[in-house]
Amino acid sequence: MRIRDFQQLIETMYSRRDRQRGAARSFLWFTEEVGELASAIAGGNQHNKEEEFADVLAWLTTLANVEGVDLEQAIRKFTEGCPGCGQMACVCEAKMT
């Protein structure tokens, strides 16, 4: 599935509720899911990690929809290399920490 297709799927399924909730409250849900992902990574259960990665992606997509951001367009900057150093395999020293 392409990113644009997933974004449209989330839009179709949840747009009415997402817009009623708004960006600020959706962001809170997103951060909660990030916390659950951190716990899943620490716990090491593969199925749980997959579920939490999917939830984080879905909530990030929700935020993009509420804010009118086309995710596929937004990530195009990475198709020509790292935005910092321009290399396909990043060599930015600042990204090491």
N, C-alpha and C. Protein backbone atom coordinates (compact mmCIF):
# COMPACT_ATOMS: atom_id res chain seq x y z
N MET A 1 0.84 -1.18 0.00
CA MET A 1 0.00 0.00 0.00
C MET A 1 0.89 1.24 0.00
N ARG A 2 0.54 2.17 -0.83
CA ARG A 2 1.27 3.44 -0.88
C ARG A 2 0.86 4.31 0.30
N ILE A 3 1.74 5.22 0.66
CA ILE A 3 1.47 6.13 1.77
C ILE A 3 0.19 6.92 1.50
N ARG A 4 0.03 7.41 0.29
CA ARG A 4 -1.16 8.19 -0.05
C ARG A 4 -2.42 7.36 0.12
N ASP A 5 -2.36 6.08 -0.25
CA ASP A 5 -3.52 5.20 -0.10
C ASP A 5 -3.87 5.00 1.37
N PHE A 6 -2.85 4.81 2.19
CA PHE A 6 -3.09 4.64 3.63
C PHE A 6 -3.67 5.92 4.21
N GLN A 7 -3.14 7.07 3.79
CA GLN A 7 -3.65 8.34 4.30
C GLN A 7 -5.12 8.51 3.90
N GLN A 8 -5.48 8.12 2.70
CA GLN A 8 -6.87 8.22 2.27
C GLN A 8 -7.75 7.24 3.05
N LEU A 9 -7.24 6.05 3.34
CA LEU A 9 -7.99 5.08 4.13
C LEU A 9 -8.31 5.64 5.51
N ILE A 10 -7.32 6.21 6.17
CA ILE A 10 -7.53 6.82 7.49
C ILE A 10 -8.52 7.97 7.38
N GLU A 11 -8.40 8.76 6.33
CA GLU A 11 -9.34 9.87 6.11
C GLU A 11 -10.77 9.35 5.98
N THR A 12 -10.95 8.33 5.17
CA THR A 12 -12.29 7.77 4.96
C THR A 12 -12.87 7.19 6.24
N MET A 13 -12.05 6.47 6.99
CA MET A 13 -12.53 5.80 8.19
C MET A 13 -12.82 6.75 9.35
N TYR A 14 -11.98 7.77 9.53
CA TYR A 14 -12.01 8.53 10.78
C TYR A 14 -12.14 10.04 10.65
N SER A 15 -12.24 10.59 9.46
CA SER A 15 -12.12 12.05 9.30
C SER A 15 -13.13 12.86 10.11
N ARG A 16 -14.36 12.41 10.18
CA ARG A 16 -15.37 13.18 10.93
C ARG A 16 -14.96 13.30 12.40
N ARG A 17 -14.60 12.18 13.01
CA ARG A 17 -14.22 12.19 14.42
C ARG A 17 -12.90 12.93 14.62
N ASP A 18 -11.95 12.73 13.70
CA ASP A 18 -10.64 13.37 13.85
C ASP A 18 -10.77 14.89 13.82
N ARG A 19 -11.59 15.41 12.93
CA ARG A 19 -11.73 16.86 12.84
C ARG A 19 -12.50 17.42 14.03
N GLN A 20 -13.44 16.66 14.56
CA GLN A 20 -14.13 17.09 15.78
C GLN A 20 -13.16 17.12 16.96
N ARG A 21 -12.27 16.16 17.03
CA ARG A 21 -11.29 16.08 18.12
C ARG A 21 -10.27 17.19 17.98
N GLY A 22 -9.84 17.48 16.76
CA GLY A 22 -8.88 18.53 16.50
C GLY A 22 -7.44 18.06 16.66
N ALA A 23 -6.53 18.91 16.23
CA ALA A 23 -5.11 18.57 16.21
C ALA A 23 -4.52 18.40 17.61
N ALA A 24 -4.87 19.28 18.53
CA ALA A 24 -4.26 19.22 19.86
C ALA A 24 -4.60 17.92 20.58
N ARG A 25 -5.85 17.53 20.56
CA ARG A 25 -6.25 16.29 21.24
C ARG A 25 -5.75 15.06 20.48
N SER A 26 -5.71 15.15 19.14
CA SER A 26 -5.16 14.05 18.35
C SER A 26 -3.68 13.87 18.65
N PHE A 27 -2.99 14.98 18.86
CA PHE A 27 -1.57 14.89 19.19
C PHE A 27 -1.37 14.18 20.53
N LEU A 28 -2.25 14.42 21.48
CA LEU A 28 -2.16 13.72 22.76
C LEU A 28 -2.33 12.21 22.58
N TRP A 29 -3.27 11.81 21.73
CA TRP A 29 -3.44 10.39 21.43
C TRP A 29 -2.17 9.84 20.77
N PHE A 30 -1.61 10.60 19.85
CA PHE A 30 -0.38 10.19 19.16
C PHE A 30 0.74 9.95 20.17
N THR A 31 0.93 10.89 21.10
CA THR A 31 2.01 10.74 22.07
C THR A 31 1.77 9.55 23.00
N GLU A 32 0.52 9.28 23.30
CA GLU A 32 0.21 8.10 24.11
C GLU A 32 0.64 6.84 23.37
N GLU A 33 0.36 6.80 22.08
CA GLU A 33 0.75 5.64 21.27
C GLU A 33 2.26 5.51 21.17
N VAL A 34 2.96 6.62 21.10
CA VAL A 34 4.43 6.57 21.08
C VAL A 34 4.94 5.96 22.38
N GLY A 35 4.33 6.32 23.49
CA GLY A 35 4.70 5.73 24.77
C GLY A 35 4.44 4.23 24.80
N GLU A 36 3.31 3.81 24.24
CA GLU A 36 3.01 2.38 24.17
C GLU A 36 4.00 1.66 23.27
N LEU A 37 4.44 2.31 22.20
CA LEU A 37 5.45 1.73 21.32
C LEU A 37 6.77 1.56 22.08
N ALA A 38 7.15 2.57 22.86
CA ALA A 38 8.37 2.47 23.65
C ALA A 38 8.31 1.27 24.60
N SER A 39 7.18 1.08 25.22
CA SER A 39 7.01 -0.07 26.12
C SER A 39 7.07 -1.39 25.36
N ALA A 40 6.47 -1.41 24.18
CA ALA A 40 6.49 -2.63 23.36
C ALA A 40 7.91 -2.97 22.93
N ILE A 41 8.67 -1.97 22.55
CA ILE A 41 10.07 -2.20 22.14
C ILE A 41 10.86 -2.74 23.34
N ALA A 42 10.67 -2.16 24.49
CA ALA A 42 11.36 -2.61 25.69
C ALA A 42 10.95 -4.03 26.07
N GLY A 43 9.68 -4.36 25.82
CA GLY A 43 9.17 -5.68 26.19
C GLY A 43 9.60 -6.79 25.26
N GLY A 44 9.86 -6.45 24.01
CA GLY A 44 10.40 -7.42 23.07
C GLY A 44 9.38 -8.33 22.40
N ASN A 45 8.09 -8.21 22.68
CA ASN A 45 7.08 -9.05 22.04
C ASN A 45 6.82 -8.55 20.62
N GLN A 46 7.16 -9.36 19.62
CA GLN A 46 7.07 -8.94 18.22
C GLN A 46 5.66 -8.52 17.81
N HIS A 47 4.66 -9.31 18.19
CA HIS A 47 3.28 -8.99 17.83
C HIS A 47 2.86 -7.64 18.43
N ASN A 48 3.21 -7.41 19.68
CA ASN A 48 2.88 -6.15 20.33
C ASN A 48 3.60 -4.98 19.64
N LYS A 49 4.87 -5.18 19.28
CA LYS A 49 5.60 -4.12 18.57
C LYS A 49 4.91 -3.79 17.25
N GLU A 50 4.50 -4.80 16.50
CA GLU A 50 3.82 -4.56 15.22
C GLU A 50 2.54 -3.75 15.41
N GLU A 51 1.76 -4.13 16.42
CA GLU A 51 0.52 -3.40 16.71
C GLU A 51 0.80 -1.95 17.06
N GLU A 52 1.80 -1.70 17.87
CA GLU A 52 2.09 -0.34 18.30
C GLU A 52 2.71 0.50 17.19
N PHE A 53 3.55 -0.09 16.36
CA PHE A 53 4.06 0.64 15.19
C PHE A 53 2.89 1.06 14.29
N ALA A 54 1.94 0.16 14.08
CA ALA A 54 0.78 0.48 13.25
C ALA A 54 -0.05 1.60 13.87
N ASP A 55 -0.24 1.54 15.19
CA ASP A 55 -1.01 2.59 15.87
C ASP A 55 -0.33 3.95 15.75
N VAL A 56 0.99 3.98 15.94
CA VAL A 56 1.73 5.25 15.83
C VAL A 56 1.59 5.80 14.41
N LEU A 57 1.74 4.94 13.41
CA LEU A 57 1.61 5.40 12.03
C LEU A 57 0.19 5.92 11.75
N ALA A 58 -0.81 5.23 12.27
CA ALA A 58 -2.19 5.66 12.05
C ALA A 58 -2.46 7.02 12.69
N TRP A 59 -1.96 7.23 13.92
CA TRP A 59 -2.18 8.52 14.58
C TRP A 59 -1.36 9.64 13.93
N LEU A 60 -0.16 9.33 13.46
CA LEU A 60 0.61 10.33 12.71
C LEU A 60 -0.14 10.73 11.44
N THR A 61 -0.72 9.74 10.79
CA THR A 61 -1.50 10.00 9.58
C THR A 61 -2.74 10.82 9.90
N THR A 62 -3.38 10.52 11.02
CA THR A 62 -4.53 11.31 11.46
C THR A 62 -4.14 12.78 11.63
N LEU A 63 -3.03 13.01 12.29
CA LEU A 63 -2.56 14.39 12.48
C LEU A 63 -2.30 15.07 11.15
N ALA A 64 -1.69 14.36 10.23
CA ALA A 64 -1.44 14.94 8.91
C ALA A 64 -2.76 15.29 8.22
N ASN A 65 -3.74 14.43 8.31
CA ASN A 65 -5.04 14.71 7.70
C ASN A 65 -5.70 15.93 8.32
N VAL A 66 -5.70 16.00 9.64
CA VAL A 66 -6.33 17.13 10.34
C VAL A 66 -5.63 18.44 9.97
N GLU A 67 -4.31 18.38 9.79
CA GLU A 67 -3.54 19.58 9.48
C GLU A 67 -3.39 19.84 7.97
N GLY A 68 -3.99 18.97 7.14
CA GLY A 68 -3.95 19.18 5.70
C GLY A 68 -2.58 18.92 5.07
N VAL A 69 -1.83 17.98 5.62
CA VAL A 69 -0.50 17.66 5.11
C VAL A 69 -0.55 16.36 4.31
N ASP A 70 -0.08 16.40 3.07
CA ASP A 70 0.05 15.22 2.23
C ASP A 70 1.37 14.55 2.61
N LEU A 71 1.29 13.44 3.32
CA LEU A 71 2.51 12.78 3.81
C LEU A 71 3.43 12.34 2.68
N GLU A 72 2.86 11.83 1.61
CA GLU A 72 3.70 11.38 0.50
C GLU A 72 4.51 12.54 -0.06
N GLN A 73 3.88 13.69 -0.19
CA GLN A 73 4.59 14.88 -0.66
C GLN A 73 5.63 15.34 0.38
N ALA A 74 5.26 15.27 1.64
CA ALA A 74 6.14 15.76 2.70
C ALA A 74 7.44 14.97 2.80
N ILE A 75 7.40 13.68 2.50
CA ILE A 75 8.61 12.87 2.66
C ILE A 75 9.49 12.85 1.41
N ARG A 76 9.07 13.51 0.36
CA ARG A 76 9.87 13.53 -0.88
C ARG A 76 11.28 14.07 -0.66
N LYS A 77 11.46 14.91 0.34
CA LYS A 77 12.78 15.48 0.58
C LYS A 77 13.81 14.40 0.88
N PHE A 78 13.38 13.24 1.29
CA PHE A 78 14.31 12.15 1.61
C PHE A 78 14.70 11.32 0.38
N THR A 79 14.04 11.53 -0.75
CA THR A 79 14.30 10.69 -1.92
C THR A 79 15.62 11.01 -2.60
N GLU A 80 16.21 12.14 -2.28
CA GLU A 80 17.49 12.52 -2.90
C GLU A 80 18.63 12.47 -1.89
N GLY A 81 18.40 11.86 -0.75
CA GLY A 81 19.44 11.74 0.25
C GLY A 81 19.06 12.46 1.54
N CYS A 82 19.95 12.33 2.50
CA CYS A 82 19.75 12.96 3.80
C CYS A 82 19.62 14.48 3.63
N PRO A 83 18.58 15.09 4.21
CA PRO A 83 18.44 16.54 4.11
C PRO A 83 19.63 17.32 4.71
N GLY A 84 20.35 16.69 5.63
CA GLY A 84 21.49 17.35 6.27
C GLY A 84 22.76 17.30 5.44
N CYS A 85 23.16 16.08 5.02
CA CYS A 85 24.45 15.91 4.33
C CYS A 85 24.30 15.63 2.84
N GLY A 86 23.10 15.29 2.39
CA GLY A 86 22.87 15.02 0.98
C GLY A 86 23.24 13.61 0.53
N GLN A 87 23.77 12.80 1.43
CA GLN A 87 24.19 11.44 1.08
C GLN A 87 23.02 10.46 1.26
N MET A 88 23.01 9.41 0.42
CA MET A 88 21.97 8.39 0.58
C MET A 88 22.18 7.60 1.87
N ALA A 89 23.41 7.39 2.27
CA ALA A 89 23.73 6.79 3.57
C ALA A 89 24.27 7.94 4.43
N CYS A 90 23.43 8.44 5.34
CA CYS A 90 23.75 9.63 6.14
C CYS A 90 25.11 9.51 6.82
N VAL A 91 25.87 10.59 6.73
CA VAL A 91 27.16 10.68 7.42
C VAL A 91 27.21 11.89 8.36
N CYS A 92 26.04 12.43 8.69
CA CYS A 92 25.96 13.57 9.59
C CYS A 92 26.48 13.17 10.97
N GLU A 93 27.46 13.90 11.45
CA GLU A 93 28.00 13.62 12.79
C GLU A 93 26.98 13.94 13.88
N ALA A 94 26.18 14.97 13.67
CA ALA A 94 25.20 15.39 14.69
C ALA A 94 24.12 14.33 14.90
N LYS A 95 23.89 13.45 13.94
CA LYS A 95 22.83 12.44 14.04
C LYS A 95 23.30 11.21 14.80
N MET A 96 24.52 11.18 15.26
CA MET A 96 25.07 10.01 15.93
C MET A 96 24.58 9.86 17.36
N THR A 97 24.09 10.94 17.97
CA THR A 97 23.67 10.86 19.36
C THR A 97 22.18 10.82 19.49
